Amino acid sequence: MRHSGKTWAESKDSAPLFAALGDPTRLRLVSRLCDGGPMSITRLTAGSKITRQAITKHLRVMERSGLARSNRRGRESVWEVDLRRMEEAQRFLREISTQWDKALARLQKFVKD
């Protein structure tokens, strides 16, 4: 599969992105940030049984993968999802889906013949 001149397997930054998305807590954080826009850690932990330290740890993993970033607003850091990285993930999944569709079509043709 090709993406920006590289195969996805060769891309050093796609694996950390999907690793970051592969954790249920981080998926919930992504969902909250996509639905509610940029939020502080205080807002992200509100109503949750997860500690601020744990949320911070998850946000740092997301930041290292390029999935999230923070900006200082006064004394707090406000976190947001990097939509470009989400779009990259969507493109990658669409490409994989297309490959599977083609492989299944070839298999179906082989079985019929």
PDB file of N, CA and C in Angstrom:
ATOM      1  N   MET A   1       0.848  -1.169   0.000  1.00  0.00           N
ATOM      2  CA  MET A   1       0.000   0.000   0.000  1.00  0.00           C
ATOM      3  C   MET A   1       0.889   1.226   0.000  1.00  0.00           C
ATOM      4  N   ARG A   2       0.536   2.229  -0.761  1.00  0.00           N
ATOM      5  CA  ARG A   2       1.337   3.453  -0.854  1.00  0.00           C
ATOM      6  C   ARG A   2       0.607   4.615  -0.194  1.00  0.00           C
ATOM      7  N   HIS A   3       1.389   5.440   0.480  1.00  0.00           N
ATOM      8  CA  HIS A   3       0.868   6.655   1.098  1.00  0.00           C
ATOM      9  C   HIS A   3       1.998   7.675   1.092  1.00  0.00           C
ATOM     10  N   SER A   4       1.830   8.767   0.390  1.00  0.00           N
ATOM     11  CA  SER A   4       2.834   9.826   0.311  1.00  0.00           C
ATOM     12  C   SER A   4       4.203   9.288  -0.073  1.00  0.00           C
ATOM     13  N   GLY A   5       4.255   8.371  -1.050  1.00  0.00           N
ATOM     14  CA  GLY A   5       5.527   7.865  -1.516  1.00  0.00           C
ATOM     15  C   GLY A   5       6.105   6.734  -0.697  1.00  0.00           C
ATOM     16  N   LYS A   6       5.501   6.368   0.411  1.00  0.00           N
ATOM     17  CA  LYS A   6       5.989   5.277   1.253  1.00  0.00           C
ATOM     18  C   LYS A   6       4.887   4.236   1.381  1.00  0.00           C
ATOM     19  N   THR A   7       5.297   3.008   1.616  1.00  0.00           N
ATOM     20  CA  THR A   7       4.277   2.033   1.979  1.00  0.00           C
ATOM     21  C   THR A   7       3.902   2.301   3.425  1.00  0.00           C
ATOM     22  N   TRP A   8       2.677   1.925   3.802  1.00  0.00           N
ATOM     23  CA  TRP A   8       2.267   2.114   5.188  1.00  0.00           C
ATOM     24  C   TRP A   8       3.155   1.306   6.115  1.00  0.00           C
ATOM     25  N   ALA A   9       3.608   0.143   5.658  1.00  0.00           N
ATOM     26  CA  ALA A   9       4.477  -0.678   6.487  1.00  0.00           C
ATOM     27  C   ALA A   9       5.800   0.038   6.754  1.00  0.00           C
ATOM     28  N   GLU A  10       6.233   0.877   5.817  1.00  0.00           N
ATOM     29  CA  GLU A  10       7.483   1.619   5.981  1.00  0.00           C
ATOM     30  C   GLU A  10       7.309   2.888   6.808  1.00  0.00           C
ATOM     31  N   SER A  11       6.103   3.348   6.948  1.00  0.00           N
ATOM     32  CA  SER A  11       5.851   4.593   7.652  1.00  0.00           C
ATOM     33  C   SER A  11       6.099   4.409   9.147  1.00  0.00           C
ATOM     34  N   LYS A  12       6.970   5.236   9.692  1.00  0.00           N
ATOM     35  CA  LYS A  12       7.310   5.116  11.107  1.00  0.00           C
ATOM     36  C   LYS A  12       6.248   5.694  12.022  1.00  0.00           C
ATOM     37  N   ASP A  13       5.361   6.509  11.476  1.00  0.00           N
ATOM     38  CA  ASP A  13       4.416   7.178  12.369  1.00  0.00           C
ATOM     39  C   ASP A  13       3.009   6.600  12.341  1.00  0.00           C
ATOM     40  N   SER A  14       2.737   5.605  11.522  1.00  0.00           N
ATOM     41  CA  SER A  14       1.380   5.048  11.516  1.00  0.00           C
ATOM     42  C   SER A  14       1.160   4.081  12.673  1.00  0.00           C
ATOM     43  N   ALA A  15       2.159   3.306  13.044  1.00  0.00           N
ATOM     44  CA  ALA A  15       1.993   2.346  14.140  1.00  0.00           C
ATOM     45  C   ALA A  15       1.703   3.039  15.476  1.00  0.00           C
ATOM     46  N   PRO A  16       2.446   4.100  15.852  1.00  0.00           N
ATOM     47  CA  PRO A  16       2.116   4.773  17.108  1.00  0.00           C
ATOM     48  C   PRO A  16       0.710   5.375  17.113  1.00  0.00           C
ATOM     49  N   LEU A  17       0.259   5.834  15.949  1.00  0.00           N
ATOM     50  CA  LEU A  17      -1.089   6.386  15.857  1.00  0.00           C
ATOM     51  C   LEU A  17      -2.120   5.325  16.196  1.00  0.00           C
ATOM     52  N   PHE A  18      -1.992   4.141  15.580  1.00  0.00           N
ATOM     53  CA  PHE A  18      -2.974   3.098  15.838  1.00  0.00           C
ATOM     54  C   PHE A  18      -2.788   2.473  17.217  1.00  0.00           C
ATOM     55  N   ALA A  19      -1.565   2.478  17.735  1.00  0.00           N
ATOM     56  CA  ALA A  19      -1.349   2.018  19.108  1.00  0.00           C
ATOM     57  C   ALA A  19      -2.060   2.952  20.081  1.00  0.00           C
ATOM     58  N   ALA A  20      -1.969   4.249  19.813  1.00  0.00           N
ATOM     59  CA  ALA A  20      -2.655   5.224  20.672  1.00  0.00           C
ATOM     60  C   ALA A  20      -4.162   5.046  20.601  1.00  0.00           C
ATOM     61  N   LEU A  21      -4.675   4.748  19.421  1.00  0.00           N
ATOM     62  CA  LEU A  21      -6.125   4.552  19.261  1.00  0.00           C
ATOM     63  C   LEU A  21      -6.587   3.187  19.771  1.00  0.00           C
ATOM     64  N   GLY A  22      -5.638   2.288  20.015  1.00  0.00           N
ATOM     65  CA  GLY A  22      -5.981   0.928  20.413  1.00  0.00           C
ATOM     66  C   GLY A  22      -6.325   0.753  21.879  1.00  0.00           C
ATOM     67  N   ASP A  23      -6.247   1.797  22.657  1.00  0.00           N
ATOM     68  CA  ASP A  23      -6.556   1.719  24.083  1.00  0.00           C
ATOM     69  C   ASP A  23      -7.950   2.287  24.340  1.00  0.00           C
ATOM     70  N   PRO A  24      -8.788   1.571  25.088  1.00  0.00           N
ATOM     71  CA  PRO A  24     -10.166   2.058  25.324  1.00  0.00           C
ATOM     72  C   PRO A  24     -10.229   3.427  25.996  1.00  0.00           C
ATOM     73  N   THR A  25      -9.349   3.684  26.946  1.00  0.00           N
ATOM     74  CA  THR A  25      -9.369   4.990  27.621  1.00  0.00           C
ATOM     75  C   THR A  25      -9.006   6.092  26.640  1.00  0.00           C
ATOM     76  N   ARG A  26      -8.000   5.858  25.816  1.00  0.00           N
ATOM     77  CA  ARG A  26      -7.611   6.882  24.840  1.00  0.00           C
ATOM     78  C   ARG A  26      -8.702   7.072  23.790  1.00  0.00           C
ATOM     79  N   LEU A  27      -9.370   5.999  23.408  1.00  0.00           N
ATOM     80  CA  LEU A  27     -10.496   6.156  22.465  1.00  0.00           C
ATOM     81  C   LEU A  27     -11.591   7.030  23.064  1.00  0.00           C
ATOM     82  N   ARG A  28     -11.866   6.846  24.358  1.00  0.00           N
ATOM     83  CA  ARG A  28     -12.868   7.693  25.018  1.00  0.00           C
ATOM     84  C   ARG A  28     -12.403   9.148  25.044  1.00  0.00           C
ATOM     85  N   LEU A  29     -11.112   9.357  25.304  1.00  0.00           N
ATOM     86  CA  LEU A  29     -10.582  10.724  25.303  1.00  0.00           C
ATOM     87  C   LEU A  29     -10.713  11.354  23.921  1.00  0.00           C
ATOM     88  N   VAL A  30     -10.380  10.611  22.884  1.00  0.00           N
ATOM     89  CA  VAL A  30     -10.524  11.118  21.514  1.00  0.00           C
ATOM     90  C   VAL A  30     -11.976  11.485  21.250  1.00  0.00           C
ATOM     91  N   SER A  31     -12.881  10.608  21.639  1.00  0.00           N
ATOM     92  CA  SER A  31     -14.309  10.863  21.434  1.00  0.00           C
ATOM     93  C   SER A  31     -14.753  12.127  22.165  1.00  0.00           C
ATOM     94  N   ARG A  32     -14.347  12.258  23.422  1.00  0.00           N
ATOM     95  CA  ARG A  32     -14.736  13.455  24.193  1.00  0.00           C
ATOM     96  C   ARG A  32     -14.166  14.720  23.571  1.00  0.00           C
ATOM     97  N   LEU A  33     -12.906  14.659  23.131  1.00  0.00           N
ATOM     98  CA  LEU A  33     -12.284  15.842  22.535  1.00  0.00           C
ATOM     99  C   LEU A  33     -12.894  16.175  21.175  1.00  0.00           C
ATOM    100  N   CYS A  34     -13.290  15.158  20.429  1.00  0.00           N
ATOM    101  CA  CYS A  34     -13.943  15.410  19.137  1.00  0.00           C
ATOM    102  C   CYS A  34     -15.333  15.992  19.348  1.00  0.00           C
ATOM    103  N   ASP A  35     -16.057  15.487  20.326  1.00  0.00           N
ATOM    104  CA  ASP A  35     -17.416  15.979  20.587  1.00  0.00           C
ATOM    105  C   ASP A  35     -17.430  17.337  21.277  1.00  0.00           C
ATOM    106  N   GLY A  36     -16.547  17.520  22.251  1.00  0.00           N
ATOM    107  CA  GLY A  36     -16.591  18.725  23.078  1.00  0.00           C
ATOM    108  C   GLY A  36     -15.572  19.784  22.750  1.00  0.00           C
ATOM    109  N   GLY A  37     -14.696  19.498  21.796  1.00  0.00           N
ATOM    110  CA  GLY A  37     -13.654  20.458  21.466  1.00  0.00           C
ATOM    111  C   GLY A  37     -12.537  20.436  22.500  1.00  0.00           C
ATOM    112  N   PRO A  38     -11.618  21.394  22.408  1.00  0.00           N
ATOM    113  CA  PRO A  38     -10.489  21.424  23.326  1.00  0.00           C
ATOM    114  C   PRO A  38     -10.943  21.463  24.786  1.00  0.00           C
ATOM    115  N   MET A  39     -10.233  20.684  25.629  1.00  0.00           N
ATOM    116  CA  MET A  39     -10.583  20.610  27.053  1.00  0.00           C
ATOM    117  C   MET A  39      -9.341  20.511  27.915  1.00  0.00           C
ATOM    118  N   SER A  40      -9.505  21.004  29.130  1.00  0.00           N
ATOM    119  CA  SER A  40      -8.441  20.868  30.123  1.00  0.00           C
ATOM    120  C   SER A  40      -8.508  19.462  30.731  1.00  0.00           C
ATOM    121  N   ILE A  41      -7.440  19.085  31.404  1.00  0.00           N
ATOM    122  CA  ILE A  41      -7.433  17.789  32.080  1.00  0.00           C
ATOM    123  C   ILE A  41      -8.515  17.751  33.145  1.00  0.00           C
ATOM    124  N   THR A  42      -8.764  18.874  33.795  1.00  0.00           N
ATOM    125  CA  THR A  42      -9.828  18.945  34.803  1.00  0.00           C
ATOM    126  C   THR A  42     -11.169  18.568  34.194  1.00  0.00           C
ATOM    127  N   ARG A  43     -11.478  19.128  33.029  1.00  0.00           N
ATOM    128  CA  ARG A  43     -12.744  18.797  32.358  1.00  0.00           C
ATOM    129  C   ARG A  43     -12.757  17.362  31.870  1.00  0.00           C
ATOM    130  N   LEU A  44     -11.601  16.873  31.380  1.00  0.00           N
ATOM    131  CA  LEU A  44     -11.540  15.500  30.875  1.00  0.00           C
ATOM    132  C   LEU A  44     -11.719  14.467  31.985  1.00  0.00           C
ATOM    133  N   THR A  45     -11.330  14.808  33.210  1.00  0.00           N
ATOM    134  CA  THR A  45     -11.473  13.852  34.311  1.00  0.00           C
ATOM    135  C   THR A  45     -12.809  13.980  35.031  1.00  0.00           C
ATOM    136  N   ALA A  46     -13.531  15.054  34.790  1.00  0.00           N
ATOM    137  CA  ALA A  46     -14.815  15.262  35.462  1.00  0.00           C
ATOM    138  C   ALA A  46     -15.761  14.095  35.176  1.00  0.00           C
ATOM    139  N   GLY A  47     -16.318  13.529  36.231  1.00  0.00           N
ATOM    140  CA  GLY A  47     -17.272  12.435  36.091  1.00  0.00           C
ATOM    141  C   GLY A  47     -16.626  11.101  35.768  1.00  0.00           C
ATOM    142  N   SER A  48     -15.314  11.036  35.851  1.00  0.00           N
ATOM    143  CA  SER A  48     -14.594   9.814  35.520  1.00  0.00           C
ATOM    144  C   SER A  48     -13.964   9.233  36.780  1.00  0.00           C
ATOM    145  N   LYS A  49     -13.776   7.943  36.780  1.00  0.00           N
ATOM    146  CA  LYS A  49     -13.104   7.288  37.900  1.00  0.00           C
ATOM    147  C   LYS A  49     -11.595   7.264  37.692  1.00  0.00           C
ATOM    148  N   ILE A  50     -11.143   7.797  36.571  1.00  0.00           N
ATOM    149  CA  ILE A  50      -9.727   7.792  36.232  1.00  0.00           C
ATOM    150  C   ILE A  50      -9.064   9.045  36.812  1.00  0.00           C
ATOM    151  N   THR A  51      -7.889   8.884  37.396  1.00  0.00           N
ATOM    152  CA  THR A  51      -7.191   9.998  38.026  1.00  0.00           C
ATOM    153  C   THR A  51      -6.629  10.963  36.985  1.00  0.00           C
ATOM    154  N   ARG A  52      -6.335  12.170  37.452  1.00  0.00           N
ATOM    155  CA  ARG A  52      -5.708  13.175  36.580  1.00  0.00           C
ATOM    156  C   ARG A  52      -4.374  12.665  36.056  1.00  0.00           C
ATOM    157  N   GLN A  53      -3.626  11.963  36.925  1.00  0.00           N
ATOM    158  CA  GLN A  53      -2.321  11.444  36.515  1.00  0.00           C
ATOM    159  C   GLN A  53      -2.472  10.423  35.397  1.00  0.00           C
ATOM    160  N   ALA A  54      -3.474   9.561  35.508  1.00  0.00           N
ATOM    161  CA  ALA A  54      -3.700   8.554  34.464  1.00  0.00           C
ATOM    162  C   ALA A  54      -4.132   9.214  33.158  1.00  0.00           C
ATOM    163  N   ILE A  55      -5.020  10.185  33.252  1.00  0.00           N
ATOM    164  CA  ILE A  55      -5.459  10.911  32.051  1.00  0.00           C
ATOM    165  C   ILE A  55      -4.258  11.605  31.406  1.00  0.00           C
ATOM    166  N   THR A  56      -3.412  12.217  32.224  1.00  0.00           N
ATOM    167  CA  THR A  56      -2.218  12.894  31.706  1.00  0.00           C
ATOM    168  C   THR A  56      -1.316  11.902  30.987  1.00  0.00           C
ATOM    169  N   LYS A  57      -1.140  10.740  31.562  1.00  0.00           N
ATOM    170  CA  LYS A  57      -0.311   9.710  30.929  1.00  0.00           C
ATOM    171  C   LYS A  57      -0.871   9.325  29.558  1.00  0.00           C
ATOM    172  N   HIS A  58      -2.173   9.120  29.473  1.00  0.00           N
ATOM    173  CA  HIS A  58      -2.811   8.775  28.201  1.00  0.00           C
ATOM    174  C   HIS A  58      -2.685   9.913  27.190  1.00  0.00           C
ATOM    175  N   LEU A  59      -2.856  11.146  27.654  1.00  0.00           N
ATOM    176  CA  LEU A  59      -2.728  12.291  26.754  1.00  0.00           C
ATOM    177  C   LEU A  59      -1.304  12.414  26.218  1.00  0.00           C
ATOM    178  N   ARG A  60      -0.323  12.098  27.029  1.00  0.00           N
ATOM    179  CA  ARG A  60       1.083  12.144  26.572  1.00  0.00           C
ATOM    180  C   ARG A  60       1.344  11.094  25.497  1.00  0.00           C
ATOM    181  N   VAL A  61       0.764   9.904  25.649  1.00  0.00           N
ATOM    182  CA  VAL A  61       0.882   8.870  24.607  1.00  0.00           C
ATOM    183  C   VAL A  61       0.260   9.388  23.321  1.00  0.00           C
ATOM    184  N   MET A  62      -0.910  10.000  23.434  1.00  0.00           N
ATOM    185  CA  MET A  62      -1.581  10.554  22.261  1.00  0.00           C
ATOM    186  C   MET A  62      -0.748  11.668  21.637  1.00  0.00           C
ATOM    187  N   GLU A  63      -0.111  12.473  22.471  1.00  0.00           N
ATOM    188  CA  GLU A  63       0.723  13.564  21.969  1.00  0.00           C
ATOM    189  C   GLU A  63       1.937  13.019  21.218  1.00  0.00           C
ATOM    190  N   ARG A  64       2.598  11.999  21.775  1.00  0.00           N
ATOM    191  CA  ARG A  64       3.772  11.420  21.110  1.00  0.00           C
ATOM    192  C   ARG A  64       3.419  10.815  19.754  1.00  0.00           C
ATOM    193  N   SER A  65       2.190  10.330  19.608  1.00  0.00           N
ATOM    194  CA  SER A  65       1.772   9.743  18.334  1.00  0.00           C
ATOM    195  C   SER A  65       1.294  10.811  17.342  1.00  0.00           C
ATOM    196  N   GLY A  66       1.193  12.047  17.815  1.00  0.00           N
ATOM    197  CA  GLY A  66       0.706  13.127  16.960  1.00  0.00           C
ATOM    198  C   GLY A  66      -0.808  13.240  16.938  1.00  0.00           C
ATOM    199  N   LEU A  67      -1.469  12.452  17.756  1.00  0.00           N
ATOM    200  CA  LEU A  67      -2.925  12.419  17.769  1.00  0.00           C
ATOM    201  C   LEU A  67      -3.533  13.599  18.520  1.00  0.00           C
ATOM    202  N   ALA A  68      -2.820  14.104  19.515  1.00  0.00           N
ATOM    203  CA  ALA A  68      -3.332  15.215  20.328  1.00  0.00           C
ATOM    204  C   ALA A  68      -2.209  16.206  20.593  1.00  0.00           C
ATOM    205  N   ARG A  69      -2.603  17.408  20.940  1.00  0.00           N
ATOM    206  CA  ARG A  69      -1.629  18.432  21.308  1.00  0.00           C
ATOM    207  C   ARG A  69      -2.243  19.313  22.389  1.00  0.00           C
ATOM    208  N   SER A  70      -1.377  19.978  23.111  1.00  0.00           N
ATOM    209  CA  SER A  70      -1.866  20.854  24.175  1.00  0.00           C
ATOM    210  C   SER A  70      -1.369  22.269  23.963  1.00  0.00           C
ATOM    211  N   ASN A  71      -2.144  23.189  24.480  1.00  0.00           N
ATOM    212  CA  ASN A  71      -1.788  24.608  24.476  1.00  0.00           C
ATOM    213  C   ASN A  71      -2.032  25.133  25.877  1.00  0.00           C
ATOM    214  N   ARG A  72      -1.160  26.026  26.343  1.00  0.00           N
ATOM    215  CA  ARG A  72      -1.344  26.629  27.662  1.00  0.00           C
ATOM    216  C   ARG A  72      -2.386  27.735  27.575  1.00  0.00           C
ATOM    217  N   ARG A  73      -3.316  27.684  28.513  1.00  0.00           N
ATOM    218  CA  ARG A  73      -4.283  28.771  28.686  1.00  0.00           C
ATOM    219  C   ARG A  73      -4.281  29.099  30.167  1.00  0.00           C
ATOM    220  N   GLY A  74      -3.598  30.153  30.496  1.00  0.00           N
ATOM    221  CA  GLY A  74      -3.450  30.485  31.913  1.00  0.00           C
ATOM    222  C   GLY A  74      -2.617  29.419  32.601  1.00  0.00           C
ATOM    223  N   ARG A  75      -3.152  28.857  33.670  1.00  0.00           N
ATOM    224  CA  ARG A  75      -2.431  27.838  34.433  1.00  0.00           C
ATOM    225  C   ARG A  75      -2.668  26.428  33.917  1.00  0.00           C
ATOM    226  N   GLU A  76      -3.602  26.269  32.990  1.00  0.00           N
ATOM    227  CA  GLU A  76      -3.963  24.928  32.533  1.00  0.00           C
ATOM    228  C   GLU A  76      -3.500  24.658  31.109  1.00  0.00           C
ATOM    229  N   SER A  77      -3.307  23.392  30.850  1.00  0.00           N
ATOM    230  CA  SER A  77      -3.081  22.935  29.477  1.00  0.00           C
ATOM    231  C   SER A  77      -4.417  22.506  28.913  1.00  0.00           C
ATOM    232  N   VAL A  78      -4.702  22.956  27.713  1.00  0.00           N
ATOM    233  CA  VAL A  78      -5.941  22.585  27.032  1.00  0.00           C
ATOM    234  C   VAL A  78      -5.560  21.648  25.893  1.00  0.00           C
ATOM    235  N   TRP A  79      -6.214  20.503  25.872  1.00  0.00           N
ATOM    236  CA  TRP A  79      -5.894  19.448  24.905  1.00  0.00           C
ATOM    237  C   TRP A  79      -6.900  19.424  23.779  1.00  0.00           C
ATOM    238  N   GLU A  80      -6.408  19.083  22.583  1.00  0.00           N
ATOM    239  CA  GLU A  80      -7.280  18.918  21.424  1.00  0.00           C
ATOM    240  C   GLU A  80      -6.730  17.825  20.524  1.00  0.00           C
ATOM    241  N   VAL A  81      -7.616  17.244  19.736  1.00  0.00           N
ATOM    242  CA  VAL A  81      -7.238  16.211  18.778  1.00  0.00           C
ATOM    243  C   VAL A  81      -6.682  16.882  17.540  1.00  0.00           C
ATOM    244  N   ASP A  82      -5.611  16.309  16.999  1.00  0.00           N
ATOM    245  CA  ASP A  82      -5.065  16.788  15.727  1.00  0.00           C
ATOM    246  C   ASP A  82      -5.868  16.126  14.613  1.00  0.00           C
ATOM    247  N   LEU A  83      -6.722  16.881  13.990  1.00  0.00           N
ATOM    248  CA  LEU A  83      -7.630  16.331  12.982  1.00  0.00           C
ATOM    249  C   LEU A  83      -6.889  15.782  11.767  1.00  0.00           C
ATOM    250  N   ARG A  84      -5.708  16.317  11.471  1.00  0.00           N
ATOM    251  CA  ARG A  84      -4.938  15.769  10.343  1.00  0.00           C
ATOM    252  C   ARG A  84      -4.558  14.315  10.597  1.00  0.00           C
ATOM    253  N   ARG A  85      -4.179  14.006  11.836  1.00  0.00           N
ATOM    254  CA  ARG A  85      -3.818  12.623  12.163  1.00  0.00           C
ATOM    255  C   ARG A  85      -5.040  11.713  12.098  1.00  0.00           C
ATOM    256  N   MET A  86      -6.184  12.216  12.510  1.00  0.00           N
ATOM    257  CA  MET A  86      -7.414  11.425  12.414  1.00  0.00           C
ATOM    258  C   MET A  86      -7.747  11.167  10.945  1.00  0.00           C
ATOM    259  N   GLU A  87      -7.548  12.165  10.104  1.00  0.00           N
ATOM    260  CA  GLU A  87      -7.787  11.992   8.666  1.00  0.00           C
ATOM    261  C   GLU A  87      -6.818  10.974   8.071  1.00  0.00           C
ATOM    262  N   GLU A  88      -5.562  10.974   8.543  1.00  0.00           N
ATOM    263  CA  GLU A  88      -4.597   9.972   8.083  1.00  0.00           C
ATOM    264  C   GLU A  88      -5.078   8.571   8.442  1.00  0.00           C
ATOM    265  N   ALA A  89      -5.572   8.418   9.660  1.00  0.00           N
ATOM    266  CA  ALA A  89      -6.078   7.110  10.097  1.00  0.00           C
ATOM    267  C   ALA A  89      -7.260   6.691   9.232  1.00  0.00           C
ATOM    268  N   GLN A  90      -8.159   7.626   8.946  1.00  0.00           N
ATOM    269  CA  GLN A  90      -9.306   7.315   8.093  1.00  0.00           C
ATOM    270  C   GLN A  90      -8.866   6.898   6.699  1.00  0.00           C
ATOM    271  N   ARG A  91      -7.898   7.620   6.120  1.00  0.00           N
ATOM    272  CA  ARG A  91      -7.392   7.265   4.788  1.00  0.00           C
ATOM    273  C   ARG A  91      -6.775   5.868   4.799  1.00  0.00           C
ATOM    274  N   PHE A  92      -5.989   5.593   5.808  1.00  0.00           N
ATOM    275  CA  PHE A  92      -5.351   4.294   5.921  1.00  0.00           C
ATOM    276  C   PHE A  92      -6.406   3.184   6.002  1.00  0.00           C
ATOM    277  N   LEU A  93      -7.423   3.378   6.822  1.00  0.00           N
ATOM    278  CA  LEU A  93      -8.470   2.363   6.966  1.00  0.00           C
ATOM    279  C   LEU A  93      -9.271   2.194   5.673  1.00  0.00           C
ATOM    280  N   ARG A  94      -9.501   3.288   4.954  1.00  0.00           N
ATOM    281  CA  ARG A  94     -10.181   3.182   3.651  1.00  0.00           C
ATOM    282  C   ARG A  94      -9.336   2.380   2.670  1.00  0.00           C
ATOM    283  N   GLU A  95      -8.023   2.631   2.661  1.00  0.00           N
ATOM    284  CA  GLU A  95      -7.131   1.896   1.760  1.00  0.00           C
ATOM    285  C   GLU A  95      -7.123   0.405   2.105  1.00  0.00           C
ATOM    286  N   ILE A  96      -7.063   0.088   3.383  1.00  0.00           N
ATOM    287  CA  ILE A  96      -7.097  -1.310   3.818  1.00  0.00           C
ATOM    288  C   ILE A  96      -8.426  -1.949   3.402  1.00  0.00           C
ATOM    289  N   SER A  97      -9.522  -1.224   3.592  1.00  0.00           N
ATOM    290  CA  SER A  97     -10.837  -1.734   3.218  1.00  0.00           C
ATOM    291  C   SER A  97     -10.908  -2.022   1.725  1.00  0.00           C
ATOM    292  N   THR A  98     -10.363  -1.123   0.915  1.00  0.00           N
ATOM    293  CA  THR A  98     -10.335  -1.322  -0.537  1.00  0.00           C
ATOM    294  C   THR A  98      -9.527  -2.561  -0.889  1.00  0.00           C
ATOM    295  N   GLN A  99      -8.385  -2.731  -0.233  1.00  0.00           N
ATOM    296  CA  GLN A  99      -7.566  -3.921  -0.478  1.00  0.00           C
ATOM    297  C   GLN A  99      -8.333  -5.198  -0.133  1.00  0.00           C
ATOM    298  N   TRP A 100      -9.021  -5.198   0.987  1.00  0.00           N
ATOM    299  CA  TRP A 100      -9.805  -6.375   1.379  1.00  0.00           C
ATOM    300  C   TRP A 100     -10.925  -6.650   0.384  1.00  0.00           C
ATOM    301  N   ASP A 101     -11.604  -5.591  -0.050  1.00  0.00           N
ATOM    302  CA  ASP A 101     -12.672  -5.767  -1.029  1.00  0.00           C
ATOM    303  C   ASP A 101     -12.137  -6.410  -2.307  1.00  0.00           C
ATOM    304  N   LYS A 102     -10.981  -5.944  -2.766  1.00  0.00           N
ATOM    305  CA  LYS A 102     -10.379  -6.512  -3.979  1.00  0.00           C
ATOM    306  C   LYS A 102      -9.960  -7.964  -3.753  1.00  0.00           C
ATOM    307  N   ALA A 103      -9.385  -8.252  -2.595  1.00  0.00           N
ATOM    308  CA  ALA A 103      -8.962  -9.623  -2.293  1.00  0.00           C
ATOM    309  C   ALA A 103     -10.165 -10.556  -2.221  1.00  0.00           C
ATOM    310  N   LEU A 104     -11.242 -10.096  -1.597  1.00  0.00           N
ATOM    311  CA  LEU A 104     -12.452 -10.922  -1.511  1.00  0.00           C
ATOM    312  C   LEU A 104     -13.076 -11.131  -2.884  1.00  0.00           C
ATOM    313  N   ALA A 105     -13.035 -10.125  -3.738  1.00  0.00           N
ATOM    314  CA  ALA A 105     -13.558 -10.261  -5.107  1.00  0.00           C
ATOM    315  C   ALA A 105     -12.742 -11.279  -5.877  1.00  0.00           C
ATOM    316  N   ARG A 106     -11.414 -11.248  -5.722  1.00  0.00           N
ATOM    317  CA  ARG A 106     -10.568 -12.233  -6.392  1.00  0.00           C
ATOM    318  C   ARG A 106     -10.863 -13.635  -5.889  1.00  0.00           C
ATOM    319  N   LEU A 107     -11.054 -13.770  -4.578  1.00  0.00           N
ATOM    320  CA  LEU A 107     -11.366 -15.073  -3.991  1.00  0.00           C
ATOM    321  C   LEU A 107     -12.705 -15.588  -4.510  1.00  0.00           C
ATOM    322  N   GLN A 108     -13.686 -14.700  -4.542  1.00  0.00           N
ATOM    323  CA  GLN A 108     -15.003 -15.087  -5.043  1.00  0.00           C
ATOM    324  C   GLN A 108     -14.919 -15.536  -6.499  1.00  0.00           C
ATOM    325  N   LYS A 109     -14.181 -14.806  -7.310  1.00  0.00           N
ATOM    326  CA  LYS A 109     -14.015 -15.183  -8.717  1.00  0.00           C
ATOM    327  C   LYS A 109     -13.309 -16.537  -8.816  1.00  0.00           C
ATOM    328  N   PHE A 110     -12.286 -16.754  -8.013  1.00  0.00           N
ATOM    329  CA  PHE A 110     -11.553 -18.018  -8.016  1.00  0.00           C
ATOM    330  C   PHE A 110     -12.480 -19.177  -7.651  1.00  0.00           C
ATOM    331  N   VAL A 111     -13.306 -18.978  -6.625  1.00  0.00           N
ATOM    332  CA  VAL A 111     -14.215 -20.038  -6.174  1.00  0.00           C
ATOM    333  C   VAL A 111     -15.258 -20.345  -7.261  1.00  0.00           C
ATOM    334  N   LYS A 112     -15.767 -19.325  -7.916  1.00  0.00           N
ATOM    335  CA  LYS A 112     -16.765 -19.522  -8.984  1.00  0.00           C
ATOM    336  C   LYS A 112     -16.166 -20.232 -10.183  1.00  0.00           C
ATOM    337  N   ASP A 113     -14.920 -19.921 -10.501  1.00  0.00           N
ATOM    338  CA  ASP A 113     -14.271 -20.528 -11.672  1.00  0.00           C
ATOM    339  C   ASP A 113     -13.846 -21.920 -11.316  1.00  0.00           C
TER     340      ASP A 113
END
